[in-house]
Amino acid sequence: MVRRDGEDKIRLDRPLEEICMKYTPGAWKEQTEHRPLNPAEVAQVAFAADCRLSRAIGIVENSKKEWQSLSDGQRLAWMGLGPTKDPIRAELFRAITGALEKYTK
């Protein structure tokens, strides 16, 4: 939802494109059913949480990593095992993947 030319409009989420449509109350339905997450999405959530935890416990080199910068092999390893060195990070990984398991296809 954006405001353009003094009107409320719906902006499509497309990079480098500004596509807006007029908003009419009642014309759009809120999405109430969500599609299942795939395992890669769950891994990305766990990876982001691991980066924040790493920063909090002082492992600065891990806190600066980005999911997109990992190789395919590193991503697959992360999806399967998560972090293996620090017990607190491994526990967080198991907690997140366990909590999202029922929402995963």
PDB file of N, CA and C in Angstrom:
ATOM      1  N   MET A   1       0.849  -1.160   0.000  1.00  0.00           N
ATOM      2  CA  MET A   1       0.000   0.000   0.000  1.00  0.00           C
ATOM      3  C   MET A   1       0.902   1.233   0.000  1.00  0.00           C
ATOM      4  N   VAL A   2       0.676   2.117  -0.927  1.00  0.00           N
ATOM      5  CA  VAL A   2       1.450   3.352  -1.017  1.00  0.00           C
ATOM      6  C   VAL A   2       0.493   4.515  -1.276  1.00  0.00           C
ATOM      7  N   ARG A   3       1.009   5.703  -1.123  1.00  0.00           N
ATOM      8  CA  ARG A   3       0.216   6.900  -1.435  1.00  0.00           C
ATOM      9  C   ARG A   3       0.891   7.608  -2.596  1.00  0.00           C
ATOM     10  N   ARG A   4       0.186   7.714  -3.712  1.00  0.00           N
ATOM     11  CA  ARG A   4       0.703   8.370  -4.907  1.00  0.00           C
ATOM     12  C   ARG A   4      -0.330   9.376  -5.403  1.00  0.00           C
ATOM     13  N   ASP A   5       0.114  10.572  -5.725  1.00  0.00           N
ATOM     14  CA  ASP A   5      -0.771  11.618  -6.248  1.00  0.00           C
ATOM     15  C   ASP A   5      -1.980  11.852  -5.348  1.00  0.00           C
ATOM     16  N   GLY A   6      -1.775  11.716  -4.046  1.00  0.00           N
ATOM     17  CA  GLY A   6      -2.850  11.951  -3.089  1.00  0.00           C
ATOM     18  C   GLY A   6      -3.853  10.825  -2.956  1.00  0.00           C
ATOM     19  N   GLU A   7      -3.577   9.673  -3.596  1.00  0.00           N
ATOM     20  CA  GLU A   7      -4.495   8.537  -3.531  1.00  0.00           C
ATOM     21  C   GLU A   7      -3.796   7.315  -2.970  1.00  0.00           C
ATOM     22  N   ASP A   8      -4.572   6.447  -2.287  1.00  0.00           N
ATOM     23  CA  ASP A   8      -4.035   5.170  -1.854  1.00  0.00           C
ATOM     24  C   ASP A   8      -3.989   4.234  -3.047  1.00  0.00           C
ATOM     25  N   LYS A   9      -2.851   3.576  -3.221  1.00  0.00           N
ATOM     26  CA  LYS A   9      -2.684   2.648  -4.336  1.00  0.00           C
ATOM     27  C   LYS A   9      -1.969   1.389  -3.854  1.00  0.00           C
ATOM     28  N   ILE A  10      -2.126   0.318  -4.614  1.00  0.00           N
ATOM     29  CA  ILE A  10      -1.423  -0.930  -4.372  1.00  0.00           C
ATOM     30  C   ILE A  10      -0.211  -0.935  -5.292  1.00  0.00           C
ATOM     31  N   ARG A  11       0.967  -1.094  -4.711  1.00  0.00           N
ATOM     32  CA  ARG A  11       2.183  -1.161  -5.517  1.00  0.00           C
ATOM     33  C   ARG A  11       2.620  -2.610  -5.591  1.00  0.00           C
ATOM     34  N   LEU A  12       2.801  -3.107  -6.814  1.00  0.00           N
ATOM     35  CA  LEU A  12       3.271  -4.468  -6.995  1.00  0.00           C
ATOM     36  C   LEU A  12       4.727  -4.564  -6.575  1.00  0.00           C
ATOM     37  N   ASP A  13       5.084  -5.656  -5.952  1.00  0.00           N
ATOM     38  CA  ASP A  13       6.444  -5.855  -5.446  1.00  0.00           C
ATOM     39  C   ASP A  13       7.327  -6.391  -6.563  1.00  0.00           C
ATOM     40  N   ARG A  14       7.771  -5.504  -7.425  1.00  0.00           N
ATOM     41  CA  ARG A  14       8.642  -5.878  -8.531  1.00  0.00           C
ATOM     42  C   ARG A  14       9.852  -4.941  -8.535  1.00  0.00           C
ATOM     43  N   PRO A  15      11.044  -5.505  -8.447  1.00  0.00           N
ATOM     44  CA  PRO A  15      12.247  -4.672  -8.416  1.00  0.00           C
ATOM     45  C   PRO A  15      12.377  -3.829  -9.685  1.00  0.00           C
ATOM     46  N   LEU A  16      12.802  -2.624  -9.516  1.00  0.00           N
ATOM     47  CA  LEU A  16      13.080  -1.680 -10.602  1.00  0.00           C
ATOM     48  C   LEU A  16      11.852  -1.311 -11.421  1.00  0.00           C
ATOM     49  N   GLU A  17      10.658  -1.630 -10.940  1.00  0.00           N
ATOM     50  CA  GLU A  17       9.438  -1.252 -11.640  1.00  0.00           C
ATOM     51  C   GLU A  17       8.488  -0.577 -10.659  1.00  0.00           C
ATOM     52  N   GLU A  18       7.871   0.468 -11.100  1.00  0.00           N
ATOM     53  CA  GLU A  18       6.888   1.181 -10.287  1.00  0.00           C
ATOM     54  C   GLU A  18       5.519   0.926 -10.916  1.00  0.00           C
ATOM     55  N   ILE A  19       4.875  -0.148 -10.497  1.00  0.00           N
ATOM     56  CA  ILE A  19       3.559  -0.493 -11.016  1.00  0.00           C
ATOM     57  C   ILE A  19       2.563  -0.323  -9.879  1.00  0.00           C
ATOM     58  N   CYS A  20       1.681   0.657 -10.030  1.00  0.00           N
ATOM     59  CA  CYS A  20       0.685   0.951  -9.004  1.00  0.00           C
ATOM     60  C   CYS A  20      -0.709   0.842  -9.605  1.00  0.00           C
ATOM     61  N   MET A  21      -1.623   0.314  -8.792  1.00  0.00           N
ATOM     62  CA  MET A  21      -3.016   0.206  -9.207  1.00  0.00           C
ATOM     63  C   MET A  21      -3.879   0.895  -8.155  1.00  0.00           C
ATOM     64  N   LYS A  22      -4.971   1.444  -8.608  1.00  0.00           N
ATOM     65  CA  LYS A  22      -5.874   2.138  -7.699  1.00  0.00           C
ATOM     66  C   LYS A  22      -6.392   1.165  -6.645  1.00  0.00           C
ATOM     67  N   TYR A  23      -6.437   1.634  -5.406  1.00  0.00           N
ATOM     68  CA  TYR A  23      -6.959   0.828  -4.304  1.00  0.00           C
ATOM     69  C   TYR A  23      -8.431   1.154  -4.106  1.00  0.00           C
ATOM     70  N   THR A  24      -9.247   0.124  -4.135  1.00  0.00           N
ATOM     71  CA  THR A  24     -10.668   0.262  -3.849  1.00  0.00           C
ATOM     72  C   THR A  24     -10.974  -0.624  -2.649  1.00  0.00           C
ATOM     73  N   PRO A  25     -11.448  -0.036  -1.538  1.00  0.00           N
ATOM     74  CA  PRO A  25     -11.757  -0.862  -0.369  1.00  0.00           C
ATOM     75  C   PRO A  25     -12.713  -1.996  -0.738  1.00  0.00           C
ATOM     76  N   GLY A  26     -12.393  -3.189  -0.258  1.00  0.00           N
ATOM     77  CA  GLY A  26     -13.220  -4.347  -0.525  1.00  0.00           C
ATOM     78  C   GLY A  26     -12.850  -5.092  -1.802  1.00  0.00           C
ATOM     79  N   ALA A  27     -12.053  -4.489  -2.662  1.00  0.00           N
ATOM     80  CA  ALA A  27     -11.674  -5.139  -3.919  1.00  0.00           C
ATOM     81  C   ALA A  27     -10.549  -6.156  -3.710  1.00  0.00           C
ATOM     82  N   TRP A  28      -9.824  -6.012  -2.618  1.00  0.00           N
ATOM     83  CA  TRP A  28      -8.714  -6.917  -2.332  1.00  0.00           C
ATOM     84  C   TRP A  28      -9.039  -7.720  -1.088  1.00  0.00           C
ATOM     85  N   LYS A  29      -8.731  -9.000  -1.126  1.00  0.00           N
ATOM     86  CA  LYS A  29      -8.944  -9.851   0.034  1.00  0.00           C
ATOM     87  C   LYS A  29      -7.609 -10.130   0.699  1.00  0.00           C
ATOM     88  N   GLU A  30      -7.617 -10.069   1.999  1.00  0.00           N
ATOM     89  CA  GLU A  30      -6.414 -10.386   2.750  1.00  0.00           C
ATOM     90  C   GLU A  30      -6.119 -11.877   2.625  1.00  0.00           C
ATOM     91  N   GLN A  31      -4.860 -12.186   2.442  1.00  0.00           N
ATOM     92  CA  GLN A  31      -4.464 -13.585   2.334  1.00  0.00           C
ATOM     93  C   GLN A  31      -4.533 -14.214   3.717  1.00  0.00           C
ATOM     94  N   THR A  32      -5.384 -15.203   3.866  1.00  0.00           N
ATOM     95  CA  THR A  32      -5.535 -15.843   5.166  1.00  0.00           C
ATOM     96  C   THR A  32      -4.905 -17.226   5.197  1.00  0.00           C
ATOM     97  N   GLU A  33      -4.715 -17.833   4.042  1.00  0.00           N
ATOM     98  CA  GLU A  33      -4.047 -19.122   3.973  1.00  0.00           C
ATOM     99  C   GLU A  33      -2.653 -18.908   3.408  1.00  0.00           C
ATOM    100  N   HIS A  34      -1.692 -19.523   4.034  1.00  0.00           N
ATOM    101  CA  HIS A  34      -0.314 -19.341   3.603  1.00  0.00           C
ATOM    102  C   HIS A  34       0.202 -20.626   2.992  1.00  0.00           C
ATOM    103  N   ARG A  35       1.020 -20.481   1.990  1.00  0.00           N
ATOM    104  CA  ARG A  35       1.608 -21.657   1.356  1.00  0.00           C
ATOM    105  C   ARG A  35       2.667 -22.240   2.273  1.00  0.00           C
ATOM    106  N   PRO A  36       2.913 -23.532   2.167  1.00  0.00           N
ATOM    107  CA  PRO A  36       3.950 -24.146   3.003  1.00  0.00           C
ATOM    108  C   PRO A  36       5.331 -23.587   2.652  1.00  0.00           C
ATOM    109  N   LEU A  37       6.187 -23.533   3.638  1.00  0.00           N
ATOM    110  CA  LEU A  37       7.568 -23.110   3.409  1.00  0.00           C
ATOM    111  C   LEU A  37       8.350 -24.269   2.805  1.00  0.00           C
ATOM    112  N   ASN A  38       9.333 -23.947   1.976  1.00  0.00           N
ATOM    113  CA  ASN A  38      10.197 -25.025   1.511  1.00  0.00           C
ATOM    114  C   ASN A  38      11.415 -25.085   2.444  1.00  0.00           C
ATOM    115  N   PRO A  39      12.140 -26.198   2.440  1.00  0.00           N
ATOM    116  CA  PRO A  39      13.266 -26.353   3.371  1.00  0.00           C
ATOM    117  C   PRO A  39      14.321 -25.247   3.249  1.00  0.00           C
ATOM    118  N   ALA A  40      14.522 -24.728   2.050  1.00  0.00           N
ATOM    119  CA  ALA A  40      15.509 -23.649   1.881  1.00  0.00           C
ATOM    120  C   ALA A  40      15.067 -22.378   2.600  1.00  0.00           C
ATOM    121  N   GLU A  41      13.779 -22.083   2.599  1.00  0.00           N
ATOM    122  CA  GLU A  41      13.278 -20.899   3.302  1.00  0.00           C
ATOM    123  C   GLU A  41      13.444 -21.047   4.806  1.00  0.00           C
ATOM    124  N   VAL A  42      13.182 -22.233   5.313  1.00  0.00           N
ATOM    125  CA  VAL A  42      13.369 -22.488   6.746  1.00  0.00           C
ATOM    126  C   VAL A  42      14.849 -22.325   7.096  1.00  0.00           C
ATOM    127  N   ALA A  43      15.719 -22.844   6.242  1.00  0.00           N
ATOM    128  CA  ALA A  43      17.163 -22.715   6.479  1.00  0.00           C
ATOM    129  C   ALA A  43      17.589 -21.255   6.482  1.00  0.00           C
ATOM    130  N   GLN A  44      17.003 -20.450   5.612  1.00  0.00           N
ATOM    131  CA  GLN A  44      17.346 -19.026   5.576  1.00  0.00           C
ATOM    132  C   GLN A  44      16.931 -18.314   6.855  1.00  0.00           C
ATOM    133  N   VAL A  45      15.775 -18.671   7.381  1.00  0.00           N
ATOM    134  CA  VAL A  45      15.316 -18.087   8.656  1.00  0.00           C
ATOM    135  C   VAL A  45      16.293 -18.463   9.769  1.00  0.00           C
ATOM    136  N   ALA A  46      16.661 -19.753   9.822  1.00  0.00           N
ATOM    137  CA  ALA A  46      17.603 -20.222  10.845  1.00  0.00           C
ATOM    138  C   ALA A  46      18.969 -19.565  10.670  1.00  0.00           C
ATOM    139  N   PHE A  47      19.396 -19.374   9.420  1.00  0.00           N
ATOM    140  CA  PHE A  47      20.690 -18.745   9.148  1.00  0.00           C
ATOM    141  C   PHE A  47      20.697 -17.289   9.632  1.00  0.00           C
ATOM    142  N   ALA A  48      19.609 -16.563   9.350  1.00  0.00           N
ATOM    143  CA  ALA A  48      19.517 -15.167   9.797  1.00  0.00           C
ATOM    144  C   ALA A  48      19.555 -15.084  11.322  1.00  0.00           C
ATOM    145  N   ALA A  49      18.848 -15.984  11.986  1.00  0.00           N
ATOM    146  CA  ALA A  49      18.861 -15.999  13.452  1.00  0.00           C
ATOM    147  C   ALA A  49      20.253 -16.345  13.973  1.00  0.00           C
ATOM    148  N   ASP A  50      20.926 -17.272  13.297  1.00  0.00           N
ATOM    149  CA  ASP A  50      22.280 -17.657  13.700  1.00  0.00           C
ATOM    150  C   ASP A  50      23.243 -16.479  13.568  1.00  0.00           C
ATOM    151  N   CYS A  51      23.089 -15.689  12.518  1.00  0.00           N
ATOM    152  CA  CYS A  51      23.946 -14.508  12.350  1.00  0.00           C
ATOM    153  C   CYS A  51      23.765 -13.528  13.508  1.00  0.00           C
ATOM    154  N   ARG A  52      22.521 -13.302  13.903  1.00  0.00           N
ATOM    155  CA  ARG A  52      22.253 -12.383  15.020  1.00  0.00           C
ATOM    156  C   ARG A  52      22.775 -12.946  16.337  1.00  0.00           C
ATOM    157  N   LEU A  53      22.595 -14.251  16.553  1.00  0.00           N
ATOM    158  CA  LEU A  53      23.111 -14.873  17.762  1.00  0.00           C
ATOM    159  C   LEU A  53      24.633 -14.823  17.778  1.00  0.00           C
ATOM    160  N   SER A  54      25.249 -15.088  16.637  1.00  0.00           N
ATOM    161  CA  SER A  54      26.718 -15.026  16.546  1.00  0.00           C
ATOM    162  C   SER A  54      27.222 -13.654  16.945  1.00  0.00           C
ATOM    163  N   ARG A  55      26.541 -12.629  16.491  1.00  0.00           N
ATOM    164  CA  ARG A  55      26.935 -11.259  16.853  1.00  0.00           C
ATOM    165  C   ARG A  55      26.807 -11.057  18.367  1.00  0.00           C
ATOM    166  N   ALA A  56      25.717 -11.557  18.925  1.00  0.00           N
ATOM    167  CA  ALA A  56      25.472 -11.375  20.359  1.00  0.00           C
ATOM    168  C   ALA A  56      26.504 -12.088  21.226  1.00  0.00           C
ATOM    169  N   ILE A  57      27.006 -13.243  20.754  1.00  0.00           N
ATOM    170  CA  ILE A  57      27.972 -13.981  21.559  1.00  0.00           C
ATOM    171  C   ILE A  57      29.419 -13.706  21.133  1.00  0.00           C
ATOM    172  N   GLY A  58      29.590 -12.745  20.222  1.00  0.00           N
ATOM    173  CA  GLY A  58      30.934 -12.281  19.886  1.00  0.00           C
ATOM    174  C   GLY A  58      31.633 -13.005  18.751  1.00  0.00           C
ATOM    175  N   ILE A  59      30.923 -13.779  17.956  1.00  0.00           N
ATOM    176  CA  ILE A  59      31.533 -14.433  16.797  1.00  0.00           C
ATOM    177  C   ILE A  59      31.265 -13.541  15.591  1.00  0.00           C
ATOM    178  N   VAL A  60      32.075 -12.514  15.465  1.00  0.00           N
ATOM    179  CA  VAL A  60      31.829 -11.454  14.491  1.00  0.00           C
ATOM    180  C   VAL A  60      31.895 -11.960  13.056  1.00  0.00           C
ATOM    181  N   GLU A  61      32.826 -12.859  12.740  1.00  0.00           N
ATOM    182  CA  GLU A  61      32.956 -13.323  11.357  1.00  0.00           C
ATOM    183  C   GLU A  61      31.692 -14.034  10.866  1.00  0.00           C
ATOM    184  N   ASN A  62      30.993 -14.743  11.740  1.00  0.00           N
ATOM    185  CA  ASN A  62      29.735 -15.392  11.350  1.00  0.00           C
ATOM    186  C   ASN A  62      28.607 -14.387  11.190  1.00  0.00           C
ATOM    187  N   SER A  63      28.641 -13.333  11.975  1.00  0.00           N
ATOM    188  CA  SER A  63      27.534 -12.375  11.957  1.00  0.00           C
ATOM    189  C   SER A  63      27.497 -11.566  10.665  1.00  0.00           C
ATOM    190  N   LYS A  64      28.593 -11.552   9.918  1.00  0.00           N
ATOM    191  CA  LYS A  64      28.647 -10.757   8.691  1.00  0.00           C
ATOM    192  C   LYS A  64      28.347 -11.567   7.430  1.00  0.00           C
ATOM    193  N   LYS A  65      28.178 -12.868   7.569  1.00  0.00           N
ATOM    194  CA  LYS A  65      27.898 -13.711   6.401  1.00  0.00           C
ATOM    195  C   LYS A  65      26.481 -13.475   5.902  1.00  0.00           C
ATOM    196  N   GLU A  66      26.308 -13.660   4.592  1.00  0.00           N
ATOM    197  CA  GLU A  66      24.987 -13.553   3.992  1.00  0.00           C
ATOM    198  C   GLU A  66      24.651 -14.842   3.276  1.00  0.00           C
ATOM    199  N   TRP A  67      23.389 -15.221   3.316  1.00  0.00           N
ATOM    200  CA  TRP A  67      22.931 -16.464   2.706  1.00  0.00           C
ATOM    201  C   TRP A  67      23.314 -16.529   1.224  1.00  0.00           C
ATOM    202  N   GLN A  68      23.150 -15.423   0.510  1.00  0.00           N
ATOM    203  CA  GLN A  68      23.427 -15.396  -0.921  1.00  0.00           C
ATOM    204  C   GLN A  68      24.901 -15.596  -1.238  1.00  0.00           C
ATOM    205  N   SER A  69      25.774 -15.286  -0.301  1.00  0.00           N
ATOM    206  CA  SER A  69      27.215 -15.401  -0.549  1.00  0.00           C
ATOM    207  C   SER A  69      27.737 -16.823  -0.307  1.00  0.00           C
ATOM    208  N   LEU A  70      26.912 -17.700   0.252  1.00  0.00           N
ATOM    209  CA  LEU A  70      27.331 -19.082   0.472  1.00  0.00           C
ATOM    210  C   LEU A  70      27.289 -19.853  -0.850  1.00  0.00           C
ATOM    211  N   SER A  71      28.172 -20.817  -0.991  1.00  0.00           N
ATOM    212  CA  SER A  71      28.132 -21.682  -2.174  1.00  0.00           C
ATOM    213  C   SER A  71      26.947 -22.639  -2.040  1.00  0.00           C
ATOM    214  N   ASP A  72      26.599 -23.288  -3.133  1.00  0.00           N
ATOM    215  CA  ASP A  72      25.494 -24.253  -3.077  1.00  0.00           C
ATOM    216  C   ASP A  72      25.787 -25.358  -2.068  1.00  0.00           C
ATOM    217  N   GLY A  73      27.026 -25.824  -2.046  1.00  0.00           N
ATOM    218  CA  GLY A  73      27.401 -26.867  -1.097  1.00  0.00           C
ATOM    219  C   GLY A  73      27.274 -26.418   0.345  1.00  0.00           C
ATOM    220  N   GLN A  74      27.668 -25.175   0.615  1.00  0.00           N
ATOM    221  CA  GLN A  74      27.546 -24.629   1.973  1.00  0.00           C
ATOM    222  C   GLN A  74      26.082 -24.498   2.384  1.00  0.00           C
ATOM    223  N   ARG A  75      25.240 -24.071   1.437  1.00  0.00           N
ATOM    224  CA  ARG A  75      23.806 -23.944   1.744  1.00  0.00           C
ATOM    225  C   ARG A  75      23.197 -25.314   2.045  1.00  0.00           C
ATOM    226  N   LEU A  76      23.551 -26.308   1.228  1.00  0.00           N
ATOM    227  CA  LEU A  76      23.022 -27.662   1.456  1.00  0.00           C
ATOM    228  C   LEU A  76      23.493 -28.219   2.799  1.00  0.00           C
ATOM    229  N   ALA A  77      24.753 -27.967   3.126  1.00  0.00           N
ATOM    230  CA  ALA A  77      25.278 -28.422   4.423  1.00  0.00           C
ATOM    231  C   ALA A  77      24.534 -27.730   5.568  1.00  0.00           C
ATOM    232  N   TRP A  78      24.289 -26.437   5.421  1.00  0.00           N
ATOM    233  CA  TRP A  78      23.568 -25.690   6.452  1.00  0.00           C
ATOM    234  C   TRP A  78      22.145 -26.227   6.611  1.00  0.00           C
ATOM    235  N   MET A  79      21.483 -26.505   5.496  1.00  0.00           N
ATOM    236  CA  MET A  79      20.111 -27.020   5.548  1.00  0.00           C
ATOM    237  C   MET A  79      20.063 -28.364   6.273  1.00  0.00           C
ATOM    238  N   GLY A  80      21.102 -29.164   6.103  1.00  0.00           N
ATOM    239  CA  GLY A  80      21.105 -30.487   6.718  1.00  0.00           C
ATOM    240  C   GLY A  80      21.541 -30.514   8.163  1.00  0.00           C
ATOM    241  N   LEU A  81      22.594 -29.774   8.474  1.00  0.00           N
ATOM    242  CA  LEU A  81      23.190 -29.872   9.810  1.00  0.00           C
ATOM    243  C   LEU A  81      23.115 -28.605  10.641  1.00  0.00           C
ATOM    244  N   GLY A  82      23.058 -27.466   9.978  1.00  0.00           N
ATOM    245  CA  GLY A  82      23.127 -26.204  10.710  1.00  0.00           C
ATOM    246  C   GLY A  82      24.535 -25.988  11.234  1.00  0.00           C
ATOM    247  N   PRO A  83      24.714 -25.121  12.214  1.00  0.00           N
ATOM    248  CA  PRO A  83      26.043 -24.897  12.786  1.00  0.00           C
ATOM    249  C   PRO A  83      26.464 -26.112  13.613  1.00  0.00           C
ATOM    250  N   THR A  84      27.733 -26.466  13.535  1.00  0.00           N
ATOM    251  CA  THR A  84      28.183 -27.680  14.223  1.00  0.00           C
ATOM    252  C   THR A  84      29.183 -27.414  15.348  1.00  0.00           C
ATOM    253  N   LYS A  85      29.713 -26.203  15.442  1.00  0.00           N
ATOM    254  CA  LYS A  85      30.780 -25.940  16.418  1.00  0.00           C
ATOM    255  C   LYS A  85      30.270 -25.504  17.787  1.00  0.00           C
ATOM    256  N   ASP A  86      29.305 -24.626  17.829  1.00  0.00           N
ATOM    257  CA  ASP A  86      28.847 -24.061  19.100  1.00  0.00           C
ATOM    258  C   ASP A  86      27.504 -24.664  19.503  1.00  0.00           C
ATOM    259  N   PRO A  87      27.418 -25.255  20.685  1.00  0.00           N
ATOM    260  CA  PRO A  87      26.160 -25.887  21.121  1.00  0.00           C
ATOM    261  C   PRO A  87      24.975 -24.926  21.156  1.00  0.00           C
ATOM    262  N   ILE A  88      25.203 -23.674  21.546  1.00  0.00           N
ATOM    263  CA  ILE A  88      24.093 -22.725  21.630  1.00  0.00           C
ATOM    264  C   ILE A  88      23.532 -22.426  20.243  1.00  0.00           C
ATOM    265  N   ARG A  89      24.416 -22.332  19.254  1.00  0.00           N
ATOM    266  CA  ARG A  89      23.969 -22.084  17.885  1.00  0.00           C
ATOM    267  C   ARG A  89      23.237 -23.302  17.323  1.00  0.00           C
ATOM    268  N   ALA A  90      23.740 -24.483  17.625  1.00  0.00           N
ATOM    269  CA  ALA A  90      23.081 -25.716  17.171  1.00  0.00           C
ATOM    270  C   ALA A  90      21.692 -25.847  17.797  1.00  0.00           C
ATOM    271  N   GLU A  91      21.585 -25.476  19.059  1.00  0.00           N
ATOM    272  CA  GLU A  91      20.289 -25.538  19.739  1.00  0.00           C
ATOM    273  C   GLU A  91      19.290 -24.571  19.120  1.00  0.00           C
ATOM    274  N   LEU A  92      19.750 -23.373  18.780  1.00  0.00           N
ATOM    275  CA  LEU A  92      18.875 -22.396  18.120  1.00  0.00           C
ATOM    276  C   LEU A  92      18.409 -22.938  16.768  1.00  0.00           C
ATOM    277  N   PHE A  93      19.326 -23.527  16.002  1.00  0.00           N
ATOM    278  CA  PHE A  93      18.990 -24.103  14.709  1.00  0.00           C
ATOM    279  C   PHE A  93      17.900 -25.174  14.865  1.00  0.00           C
ATOM    280  N   ARG A  94      18.081 -26.076  15.822  1.00  0.00           N
ATOM    281  CA  ARG A  94      17.094 -27.148  16.051  1.00  0.00           C
ATOM    282  C   ARG A  94      15.747 -26.570  16.494  1.00  0.00           C
ATOM    283  N   ALA A  95      15.788 -25.540  17.310  1.00  0.00           N
ATOM    284  CA  ALA A  95      14.541 -24.931  17.788  1.00  0.00           C
ATOM    285  C   ALA A  95      13.765 -24.295  16.631  1.00  0.00           C
ATOM    286  N   ILE A  96      14.460 -23.580  15.772  1.00  0.00           N
ATOM    287  CA  ILE A  96      13.786 -22.914  14.646  1.00  0.00           C
ATOM    288  C   ILE A  96      13.264 -23.930  13.651  1.00  0.00           C
ATOM    289  N   THR A  97      14.113 -24.866  13.245  1.00  0.00           N
ATOM    290  CA  THR A  97      13.661 -25.856  12.270  1.00  0.00           C
ATOM    291  C   THR A  97      12.554 -26.738  12.844  1.00  0.00           C
ATOM    292  N   GLY A  98      12.631 -27.036  14.139  1.00  0.00           N
ATOM    293  CA  GLY A  98      11.568 -27.817  14.774  1.00  0.00           C
ATOM    294  C   GLY A  98      10.255 -27.067  14.824  1.00  0.00           C
ATOM    295  N   ALA A  99      10.326 -25.776  15.168  1.00  0.00           N
ATOM    296  CA  ALA A  99       9.113 -24.970  15.261  1.00  0.00           C
ATOM    297  C   ALA A  99       8.440 -24.770  13.894  1.00  0.00           C
ATOM    298  N   LEU A 100       9.239 -24.679  12.842  1.00  0.00           N
ATOM    299  CA  LEU A 100       8.690 -24.443  11.495  1.00  0.00           C
ATOM    300  C   LEU A 100       8.396 -25.736  10.733  1.00  0.00           C
ATOM    301  N   GLU A 101       8.715 -26.862  11.328  1.00  0.00           N
ATOM    302  CA  GLU A 101       8.544 -28.140  10.629  1.00  0.00           C
ATOM    303  C   GLU A 101       7.105 -28.384  10.176  1.00  0.00           C
ATOM    304  N   LYS A 102       6.146 -28.031  10.997  1.00  0.00           N
ATOM    305  CA  LYS A 102       4.749 -28.278  10.624  1.00  0.00           C
ATOM    306  C   LYS A 102       4.267 -27.327   9.522  1.00  0.00           C
ATOM    307  N   TYR A 103       5.036 -26.273   9.234  1.00  0.00           N
ATOM    308  CA  TYR A 103       4.685 -25.335   8.159  1.00  0.00           C
ATOM    309  C   TYR A 103       5.512 -25.578   6.908  1.00  0.00           C
ATOM    310  N   THR A 104       6.283 -26.655   6.899  1.00  0.00           N
ATOM    311  CA  THR A 104       7.198 -26.938   5.796  1.00  0.00           C
ATOM    312  C   THR A 104       6.656 -28.074   4.948  1.00  0.00           C
ATOM    313  N   LYS A 105       6.843 -27.912   3.633  1.00  0.00           N
ATOM    314  CA  LYS A 105       6.387 -28.999   2.747  1.00  0.00           C
ATOM    315  C   LYS A 105       7.459 -30.022   2.545  1.00  0.00           C
TER     316      LYS A 105
END
